[in-house]
Amino acid sequence: MEVYHQTDGQLARDTYKQVRIVAINKYHDLALLHIEDKNAPKFKFITLGSADALTSAIPFLPSAARSASNAR
């Protein structure tokens, strides 16, 4: 498994080979993994929520539609 850490605006890749699958939810394409490598850091946890409750402050316009509207 590869994990990308961001430090000072740069991404650094770490590879972990000792990973155990704890749980899988095939309906949501989600897996809970336990990294068992000895050199693995303690990762912060996140709370999962519903994407349906999210809103965007920036209107979404696909790039093809932007190109078409700019050509007019």
Foldseek 3Di string as FASTA:
>chain_A
DWDWDDDPNDTDIDDADQKDWDDADPVVRDTDIDGDDPPDDDDDDDDDDDPVPDDDPDDDDDPVRVVVVVVD
